[in-house]
Amino acid sequence: QVSTDPGVRAVVVTGSGGNFCSGADVGAQGPRAAVEERPHQLRTMRLISETVISLHELQHPVVAKVRGVAVGAGMNLAL
């Protein structure tokens, strides 16, 4: 929607609550993670990757408004 809306001049990415991104539960992602959890983890990683790539490919300026902590993929997004 952003790329087709002529009224949009920039994109500001923010977090909700008191932090930008508190990071994922890495305990659930370690080598002891249940096999049944892995498809969900892969979907989540793909979604994060697709989101970051989409923001990178926008023709508009993208600004991260970071308040509080920015950990994990959220730190990469903020950069």
N, C-alpha and C. Protein backbone atom coordinates (compact mmCIF):
# COMPACT_ATOMS: atom_id res chain seq x y z
N GLN A 1 0.81 -1.19 0.00
CA GLN A 1 0.00 0.00 0.00
C GLN A 1 0.86 1.25 0.00
N VAL A 2 1.96 1.21 0.71
CA VAL A 2 2.83 2.38 0.82
C VAL A 2 3.33 2.82 -0.55
N SER A 3 3.78 1.87 -1.36
CA SER A 3 4.38 2.22 -2.64
C SER A 3 3.37 2.76 -3.64
N THR A 4 2.07 2.51 -3.44
CA THR A 4 1.07 2.99 -4.38
C THR A 4 0.28 4.19 -3.87
N ASP A 5 0.54 4.62 -2.66
CA ASP A 5 -0.17 5.76 -2.08
C ASP A 5 0.65 7.03 -2.28
N PRO A 6 0.18 7.95 -3.13
CA PRO A 6 0.96 9.16 -3.40
C PRO A 6 1.08 10.09 -2.19
N GLY A 7 0.25 9.90 -1.17
CA GLY A 7 0.32 10.74 0.02
C GLY A 7 1.41 10.32 1.00
N VAL A 8 1.96 9.15 0.81
CA VAL A 8 3.01 8.66 1.71
C VAL A 8 4.36 9.19 1.26
N ARG A 9 5.04 9.87 2.17
CA ARG A 9 6.36 10.42 1.83
C ARG A 9 7.48 9.70 2.56
N ALA A 10 7.16 9.01 3.64
CA ALA A 10 8.16 8.27 4.41
C ALA A 10 7.45 7.21 5.25
N VAL A 11 8.23 6.26 5.73
CA VAL A 11 7.71 5.20 6.60
C VAL A 11 8.46 5.26 7.92
N VAL A 12 7.72 5.26 9.02
CA VAL A 12 8.32 5.25 10.35
C VAL A 12 7.92 3.93 11.01
N VAL A 13 8.92 3.14 11.40
CA VAL A 13 8.70 1.85 12.05
C VAL A 13 8.90 2.05 13.55
N THR A 14 7.89 1.68 14.33
CA THR A 14 7.97 1.82 15.78
C THR A 14 7.59 0.50 16.45
N GLY A 15 7.85 0.43 17.73
CA GLY A 15 7.41 -0.72 18.52
C GLY A 15 6.15 -0.36 19.27
N SER A 16 5.62 -1.32 20.00
CA SER A 16 4.47 -1.04 20.86
C SER A 16 4.88 -1.31 22.29
N GLY A 17 4.20 -0.70 23.20
CA GLY A 17 4.61 -0.83 24.60
C GLY A 17 5.82 0.05 24.85
N GLY A 18 6.68 -0.36 25.73
CA GLY A 18 7.82 0.47 26.09
C GLY A 18 9.09 0.20 25.33
N ASN A 19 9.08 -0.79 24.41
CA ASN A 19 10.30 -1.15 23.71
C ASN A 19 10.08 -1.28 22.21
N PHE A 20 11.16 -1.14 21.46
CA PHE A 20 11.09 -1.32 20.01
C PHE A 20 10.94 -2.79 19.67
N CYS A 21 11.82 -3.64 20.22
CA CYS A 21 11.74 -5.09 20.00
C CYS A 21 12.52 -5.78 21.11
N SER A 22 11.85 -6.67 21.81
CA SER A 22 12.52 -7.34 22.93
C SER A 22 13.19 -8.64 22.52
N GLY A 23 13.09 -9.03 21.27
CA GLY A 23 13.76 -10.24 20.79
C GLY A 23 12.90 -11.48 20.94
N ALA A 24 13.35 -12.54 20.30
CA ALA A 24 12.61 -13.81 20.32
C ALA A 24 13.00 -14.63 21.54
N ASP A 25 12.22 -15.62 21.82
CA ASP A 25 12.52 -16.57 22.89
C ASP A 25 13.56 -17.55 22.36
N VAL A 26 14.83 -17.26 22.58
CA VAL A 26 15.89 -18.09 22.02
C VAL A 26 15.94 -19.48 22.63
N GLY A 27 15.40 -19.65 23.80
CA GLY A 27 15.35 -20.97 24.40
C GLY A 27 14.51 -21.93 23.57
N ALA A 28 13.48 -21.40 22.92
CA ALA A 28 12.61 -22.23 22.08
C ALA A 28 13.24 -22.52 20.73
N GLN A 29 14.33 -21.84 20.40
CA GLN A 29 14.95 -22.00 19.08
C GLN A 29 16.23 -22.83 19.11
N GLY A 30 16.66 -23.22 20.28
CA GLY A 30 17.92 -23.94 20.41
C GLY A 30 17.86 -25.36 19.90
N PRO A 31 18.96 -26.08 20.02
CA PRO A 31 19.03 -27.44 19.49
C PRO A 31 18.06 -28.40 20.16
N ARG A 32 17.58 -28.05 21.34
CA ARG A 32 16.63 -28.92 22.03
C ARG A 32 15.18 -28.61 21.67
N ALA A 33 14.97 -27.67 20.75
CA ALA A 33 13.61 -27.31 20.35
C ALA A 33 12.91 -28.53 19.75
N ALA A 34 11.66 -28.66 20.08
CA ALA A 34 10.88 -29.80 19.59
C ALA A 34 10.80 -29.76 18.07
N VAL A 35 10.85 -30.92 17.47
CA VAL A 35 10.78 -31.03 16.01
C VAL A 35 9.50 -30.40 15.49
N GLU A 36 8.41 -30.54 16.22
CA GLU A 36 7.13 -29.98 15.76
C GLU A 36 7.12 -28.45 15.77
N GLU A 37 8.04 -27.83 16.48
CA GLU A 37 8.14 -26.37 16.51
C GLU A 37 8.89 -25.81 15.30
N ARG A 38 9.68 -26.61 14.65
CA ARG A 38 10.55 -26.10 13.59
C ARG A 38 9.79 -25.50 12.41
N PRO A 39 8.69 -26.08 11.93
CA PRO A 39 7.96 -25.42 10.83
C PRO A 39 7.49 -24.02 11.22
N HIS A 40 7.04 -23.86 12.45
CA HIS A 40 6.62 -22.53 12.92
C HIS A 40 7.81 -21.57 12.96
N GLN A 41 8.94 -22.04 13.43
CA GLN A 41 10.14 -21.20 13.48
C GLN A 41 10.57 -20.78 12.08
N LEU A 42 10.51 -21.69 11.12
CA LEU A 42 10.89 -21.35 9.75
C LEU A 42 9.93 -20.33 9.15
N ARG A 43 8.63 -20.48 9.41
CA ARG A 43 7.66 -19.49 8.92
C ARG A 43 7.94 -18.12 9.51
N THR A 44 8.24 -18.09 10.79
CA THR A 44 8.54 -16.82 11.46
C THR A 44 9.78 -16.18 10.86
N MET A 45 10.83 -16.96 10.64
CA MET A 45 12.07 -16.42 10.06
C MET A 45 11.82 -15.90 8.64
N ARG A 46 11.01 -16.62 7.87
CA ARG A 46 10.69 -16.16 6.51
C ARG A 46 9.91 -14.85 6.55
N LEU A 47 8.94 -14.76 7.45
CA LEU A 47 8.15 -13.54 7.57
C LEU A 47 9.02 -12.35 7.94
N ILE A 48 9.93 -12.54 8.87
CA ILE A 48 10.84 -11.47 9.26
C ILE A 48 11.71 -11.06 8.07
N SER A 49 12.25 -12.03 7.36
CA SER A 49 13.10 -11.74 6.19
C SER A 49 12.32 -11.00 5.12
N GLU A 50 11.11 -11.45 4.82
CA GLU A 50 10.29 -10.80 3.80
C GLU A 50 9.95 -9.37 4.19
N THR A 51 9.69 -9.15 5.47
CA THR A 51 9.37 -7.81 5.95
C THR A 51 10.56 -6.87 5.79
N VAL A 52 11.74 -7.32 6.20
CA VAL A 52 12.94 -6.48 6.09
C VAL A 52 13.26 -6.19 4.63
N ILE A 53 13.16 -7.19 3.77
CA ILE A 53 13.43 -6.99 2.34
C ILE A 53 12.43 -6.01 1.75
N SER A 54 11.15 -6.14 2.10
CA SER A 54 10.13 -5.23 1.59
C SER A 54 10.42 -3.79 1.99
N LEU A 55 10.82 -3.58 3.23
CA LEU A 55 11.16 -2.23 3.68
C LEU A 55 12.39 -1.71 2.95
N HIS A 56 13.37 -2.57 2.74
CA HIS A 56 14.59 -2.17 2.05
C HIS A 56 14.32 -1.77 0.60
N GLU A 57 13.36 -2.42 -0.03
CA GLU A 57 13.08 -2.17 -1.45
C GLU A 57 12.15 -0.99 -1.69
N LEU A 58 11.60 -0.41 -0.63
CA LEU A 58 10.72 0.75 -0.82
C LEU A 58 11.50 1.92 -1.40
N GLN A 59 10.82 2.72 -2.18
CA GLN A 59 11.42 3.93 -2.73
C GLN A 59 11.34 5.09 -1.73
N HIS A 60 10.61 4.89 -0.66
CA HIS A 60 10.43 5.92 0.36
C HIS A 60 11.52 5.80 1.43
N PRO A 61 11.84 6.90 2.10
CA PRO A 61 12.73 6.80 3.25
C PRO A 61 12.06 5.98 4.36
N VAL A 62 12.82 5.14 5.03
CA VAL A 62 12.31 4.33 6.14
C VAL A 62 13.13 4.70 7.38
N VAL A 63 12.43 5.10 8.44
CA VAL A 63 13.07 5.53 9.67
C VAL A 63 12.59 4.62 10.80
N ALA A 64 13.52 4.16 11.63
CA ALA A 64 13.15 3.38 12.82
C ALA A 64 13.14 4.32 14.02
N LYS A 65 11.99 4.43 14.65
CA LYS A 65 11.86 5.23 15.87
C LYS A 65 12.03 4.27 17.05
N VAL A 66 13.25 4.21 17.56
CA VAL A 66 13.59 3.23 18.59
C VAL A 66 13.45 3.86 19.97
N ARG A 67 12.61 3.24 20.78
CA ARG A 67 12.44 3.65 22.17
C ARG A 67 12.58 2.38 23.01
N GLY A 68 13.40 2.41 24.01
CA GLY A 68 13.62 1.22 24.82
C GLY A 68 14.63 0.31 24.14
N VAL A 69 14.46 -1.00 24.32
CA VAL A 69 15.43 -1.95 23.78
C VAL A 69 15.11 -2.33 22.35
N ALA A 70 16.16 -2.67 21.61
CA ALA A 70 16.04 -3.20 20.25
C ALA A 70 16.99 -4.39 20.18
N VAL A 71 16.45 -5.60 20.29
CA VAL A 71 17.25 -6.81 20.40
C VAL A 71 16.92 -7.76 19.26
N GLY A 72 17.90 -8.57 18.87
CA GLY A 72 17.67 -9.60 17.85
C GLY A 72 17.33 -9.01 16.49
N ALA A 73 16.33 -9.59 15.85
CA ALA A 73 15.92 -9.12 14.52
C ALA A 73 15.47 -7.66 14.57
N GLY A 74 14.94 -7.24 15.70
CA GLY A 74 14.53 -5.85 15.85
C GLY A 74 15.70 -4.89 15.78
N MET A 75 16.85 -5.30 16.28
CA MET A 75 18.05 -4.46 16.17
C MET A 75 18.45 -4.33 14.70
N ASN A 76 18.40 -5.45 13.97
CA ASN A 76 18.72 -5.39 12.54
C ASN A 76 17.73 -4.50 11.80
N LEU A 77 16.47 -4.59 12.14
CA LEU A 77 15.46 -3.75 11.52
C LEU A 77 15.73 -2.28 11.81
N ALA A 78 16.12 -1.97 13.04
CA ALA A 78 16.39 -0.58 13.41
C ALA A 78 17.58 -0.01 12.66
N LEU A 79 18.55 -0.86 12.33
CA LEU A 79 19.73 -0.38 11.62
C LEU A 79 19.39 -0.09 10.18
